[in-house]
Amino acid sequence: MDSNGHVNNGVYQFYFDEARMQALENEGFSLAEMRAKKIGPVIYKAELEYSKPVSHPDTVAIETSFGELSKAKGKVFQTMKRMSDGAVVCKAVFHSLFFDFEKQRPWKLPDSFIEKWN
């Protein structure tokens, strides 16, 4: 909580990160497999637009979609809603790429994933 009694804006990014990883799991990107292959998503730009506060004991739901994908880069679009009234509390766009940490270079996204979300 921040000094105003709201969830701190930095916590929103943690919530969005957790939702992104769940969304990737749902798309077949196993976190364990990515770790084993030493690949994973990297955020290089974050745009967040806060519209309403979240206070204790509010719960939120996050919708996640992917778009504007190229071979290694893309955007993740996320909307956080307060469960009590369905109000949108924050919208976010995360610019990301998949990265091969062993080779220290971008990793190519599967064509099927690009085709599905473009």
C-alpha atoms as a PDB file:
ATOM      1  CA  MET A   1       0.000   0.000   0.000  1.00  0.00           C
ATOM      2  CA  ASP A   2       1.137   3.530  -0.666  1.00  0.00           C
ATOM      3  CA  SER A   3       0.696   6.579   1.568  1.00  0.00           C
ATOM      4  CA  ASN A   4      -2.843   7.075   0.186  1.00  0.00           C
ATOM      5  CA  GLY A   5      -3.925   3.556   1.150  1.00  0.00           C
ATOM      6  CA  HIS A   6      -3.866   2.299  -2.445  1.00  0.00           C
ATOM      7  CA  VAL A   7      -1.943  -0.546  -4.018  1.00  0.00           C
ATOM      8  CA  ASN A   8       1.416   0.969  -5.025  1.00  0.00           C
ATOM      9  CA  ASN A   9       1.893   1.501  -8.763  1.00  0.00           C
ATOM     10  CA  GLY A  10       4.983  -0.725  -8.728  1.00  0.00           C
ATOM     11  CA  VAL A  11       2.839  -3.616  -7.546  1.00  0.00           C
ATOM     12  CA  TYR A  12       0.685  -3.271 -10.669  1.00  0.00           C
ATOM     13  CA  GLN A  13       3.712  -4.218 -12.770  1.00  0.00           C
ATOM     14  CA  PHE A  14       4.201  -7.337 -10.632  1.00  0.00           C
ATOM     15  CA  TYR A  15       0.547  -8.290 -11.205  1.00  0.00           C
ATOM     16  CA  PHE A  16       0.909  -7.685 -14.949  1.00  0.00           C
ATOM     17  CA  ASP A  17       4.106  -9.766 -15.040  1.00  0.00           C
ATOM     18  CA  GLU A  18       2.396 -12.709 -13.328  1.00  0.00           C
ATOM     19  CA  ALA A  19      -0.535 -12.490 -15.760  1.00  0.00           C
ATOM     20  CA  ARG A  20       1.835 -12.343 -18.777  1.00  0.00           C
ATOM     21  CA  MET A  21       3.630 -15.475 -17.643  1.00  0.00           C
ATOM     22  CA  GLN A  22       0.308 -17.292 -17.147  1.00  0.00           C
ATOM     23  CA  ALA A  23      -0.822 -16.180 -20.606  1.00  0.00           C
ATOM     24  CA  LEU A  24       2.413 -17.505 -22.135  1.00  0.00           C
ATOM     25  CA  GLU A  25       1.900 -20.821 -20.306  1.00  0.00           C
ATOM     26  CA  ASN A  26      -1.618 -20.963 -21.779  1.00  0.00           C
ATOM     27  CA  GLU A  27      -0.081 -20.476 -25.238  1.00  0.00           C
ATOM     28  CA  GLY A  28       2.248 -23.449 -24.761  1.00  0.00           C
ATOM     29  CA  PHE A  29       5.360 -21.620 -23.575  1.00  0.00           C
ATOM     30  CA  SER A  30       6.261 -23.753 -20.562  1.00  0.00           C
ATOM     31  CA  LEU A  31       8.194 -21.741 -18.000  1.00  0.00           C
ATOM     32  CA  ALA A  32      10.235 -24.800 -17.041  1.00  0.00           C
ATOM     33  CA  GLU A  33      11.057 -25.466 -20.698  1.00  0.00           C
ATOM     34  CA  MET A  34      12.030 -21.840 -21.314  1.00  0.00           C
ATOM     35  CA  ARG A  35      14.363 -21.912 -18.304  1.00  0.00           C
ATOM     36  CA  ALA A  36      15.903 -25.180 -19.494  1.00  0.00           C
ATOM     37  CA  LYS A  37      16.473 -23.722 -22.988  1.00  0.00           C
ATOM     38  CA  LYS A  38      17.692 -20.433 -21.471  1.00  0.00           C
ATOM     39  CA  ILE A  39      15.164 -18.362 -23.414  1.00  0.00           C
ATOM     40  CA  GLY A  40      12.484 -16.019 -22.197  1.00  0.00           C
ATOM     41  CA  PRO A  41      10.601 -12.787 -22.635  1.00  0.00           C
ATOM     42  CA  VAL A  42      12.294  -9.462 -21.929  1.00  0.00           C
ATOM     43  CA  ILE A  43      10.382  -6.202 -21.518  1.00  0.00           C
ATOM     44  CA  TYR A  44      12.189  -3.236 -23.053  1.00  0.00           C
ATOM     45  CA  LYS A  45       9.417  -0.635 -22.793  1.00  0.00           C
ATOM     46  CA  ALA A  46       6.378  -0.363 -20.517  1.00  0.00           C
ATOM     47  CA  GLU A  47       3.427   1.982 -20.972  1.00  0.00           C
ATOM     48  CA  LEU A  48       0.905   2.056 -18.107  1.00  0.00           C
ATOM     49  CA  GLU A  49      -2.193   4.210 -17.853  1.00  0.00           C
ATOM     50  CA  TYR A  50      -3.698   4.256 -14.366  1.00  0.00           C
ATOM     51  CA  SER A  51      -7.370   5.240 -14.205  1.00  0.00           C
ATOM     52  CA  LYS A  52      -8.747   4.163 -10.816  1.00  0.00           C
ATOM     53  CA  PRO A  53      -7.227   3.102  -7.492  1.00  0.00           C
ATOM     54  CA  VAL A  54      -7.092  -0.415  -6.092  1.00  0.00           C
ATOM     55  CA  SER A  55      -7.438  -0.585  -2.310  1.00  0.00           C
ATOM     56  CA  HIS A  56      -7.423  -3.375   0.254  1.00  0.00           C
ATOM     57  CA  PRO A  57      -9.275  -5.788   0.072  1.00  0.00           C
ATOM     58  CA  ASP A  58     -10.003  -5.299  -3.671  1.00  0.00           C
ATOM     59  CA  THR A  59      -9.251  -8.147  -6.047  1.00  0.00           C
ATOM     60  CA  VAL A  60      -8.405  -7.686  -9.710  1.00  0.00           C
ATOM     61  CA  ALA A  61      -8.548  -9.662 -12.939  1.00  0.00           C
ATOM     62  CA  ILE A  62      -6.183  -9.130 -15.853  1.00  0.00           C
ATOM     63  CA  GLU A  63      -6.941  -9.700 -19.532  1.00  0.00           C
ATOM     64  CA  THR A  64      -3.880 -10.347 -21.698  1.00  0.00           C
ATOM     65  CA  SER A  65      -3.462 -10.439 -25.468  1.00  0.00           C
ATOM     66  CA  PHE A  66      -0.525 -10.300 -27.867  1.00  0.00           C
ATOM     67  CA  GLY A  67      -0.104  -8.323 -31.083  1.00  0.00           C
ATOM     68  CA  GLU A  68       2.093  -6.452 -33.547  1.00  0.00           C
ATOM     69  CA  LEU A  69       4.399  -9.455 -33.611  1.00  0.00           C
ATOM     70  CA  SER A  70       7.500  -9.844 -35.752  1.00  0.00           C
ATOM     71  CA  LYS A  71      10.067 -12.647 -35.710  1.00  0.00           C
ATOM     72  CA  ALA A  72      11.290 -11.867 -32.190  1.00  0.00           C
ATOM     73  CA  LYS A  73       9.438  -8.763 -30.987  1.00  0.00           C
ATOM     74  CA  GLY A  74       5.883  -7.923 -30.129  1.00  0.00           C
ATOM     75  CA  LYS A  75       3.535  -6.157 -27.801  1.00  0.00           C
ATOM     76  CA  VAL A  76       1.570  -7.458 -24.856  1.00  0.00           C
ATOM     77  CA  PHE A  77      -1.718  -5.651 -24.219  1.00  0.00           C
ATOM     78  CA  GLN A  78      -3.135  -5.950 -20.718  1.00  0.00           C
ATOM     79  CA  THR A  79      -6.179  -4.565 -18.938  1.00  0.00           C
ATOM     80  CA  MET A  80      -6.602  -4.766 -15.169  1.00  0.00           C
ATOM     81  CA  LYS A  81     -10.165  -4.660 -13.822  1.00  0.00           C
ATOM     82  CA  ARG A  82     -11.416  -4.357 -10.276  1.00  0.00           C
ATOM     83  CA  MET A  83     -13.590  -7.402  -9.548  1.00  0.00           C
ATOM     84  CA  SER A  84     -16.071  -5.638  -7.234  1.00  0.00           C
ATOM     85  CA  ASP A  85     -17.443  -3.348  -9.952  1.00  0.00           C
ATOM     86  CA  GLY A  86     -15.681  -4.366 -13.189  1.00  0.00           C
ATOM     87  CA  ALA A  87     -14.010  -0.960 -13.448  1.00  0.00           C
ATOM     88  CA  VAL A  88     -10.873  -0.743 -15.559  1.00  0.00           C
ATOM     89  CA  VAL A  89      -8.150   0.396 -13.161  1.00  0.00           C
ATOM     90  CA  CYS A  90      -5.127   0.226 -15.461  1.00  0.00           C
ATOM     91  CA  LYS A  91      -4.292  -0.435 -19.118  1.00  0.00           C
ATOM     92  CA  ALA A  92      -0.790  -1.426 -20.149  1.00  0.00           C
ATOM     93  CA  VAL A  93       1.233  -2.076 -23.276  1.00  0.00           C
ATOM     94  CA  PHE A  94       4.510  -3.922 -22.835  1.00  0.00           C
ATOM     95  CA  HIS A  95       7.002  -3.956 -25.715  1.00  0.00           C
ATOM     96  CA  SER A  96       8.890  -7.204 -25.495  1.00  0.00           C
ATOM     97  CA  LEU A  97      11.102  -9.657 -27.246  1.00  0.00           C
ATOM     98  CA  PHE A  98      12.059 -13.244 -26.687  1.00  0.00           C
ATOM     99  CA  PHE A  99      15.714 -13.572 -25.833  1.00  0.00           C
ATOM    100  CA  ASP A 100      18.234 -16.415 -25.965  1.00  0.00           C
ATOM    101  CA  PHE A 101      20.269 -15.785 -22.822  1.00  0.00           C
ATOM    102  CA  GLU A 102      22.988 -18.252 -23.791  1.00  0.00           C
ATOM    103  CA  LYS A 103      23.622 -16.743 -27.244  1.00  0.00           C
ATOM    104  CA  GLN A 104      22.849 -13.204 -26.017  1.00  0.00           C
ATOM    105  CA  ARG A 105      20.574 -12.467 -28.960  1.00  0.00           C
ATOM    106  CA  PRO A 106      16.861 -12.388 -29.790  1.00  0.00           C
ATOM    107  CA  TRP A 107      15.095 -15.736 -30.128  1.00  0.00           C
ATOM    108  CA  LYS A 108      12.702 -16.336 -33.039  1.00  0.00           C
ATOM    109  CA  LEU A 109       9.039 -16.747 -32.106  1.00  0.00           C
ATOM    110  CA  PRO A 110       7.216 -19.750 -33.588  1.00  0.00           C
ATOM    111  CA  ASP A 111       5.354 -18.868 -36.813  1.00  0.00           C
ATOM    112  CA  SER A 112       2.143 -20.399 -35.426  1.00  0.00           C
ATOM    113  CA  PHE A 113       2.169 -17.960 -32.494  1.00  0.00           C
ATOM    114  CA  ILE A 114       2.789 -14.975 -34.794  1.00  0.00           C
ATOM    115  CA  GLU A 115      -0.006 -16.049 -37.159  1.00  0.00           C
ATOM    116  CA  LYS A 116      -2.478 -16.569 -34.309  1.00  0.00           C
ATOM    117  CA  TRP A 117      -2.013 -13.134 -32.742  1.00  0.00           C
ATOM    118  CA  ASN A 118      -1.370 -10.887 -35.799  1.00  0.00           C
END
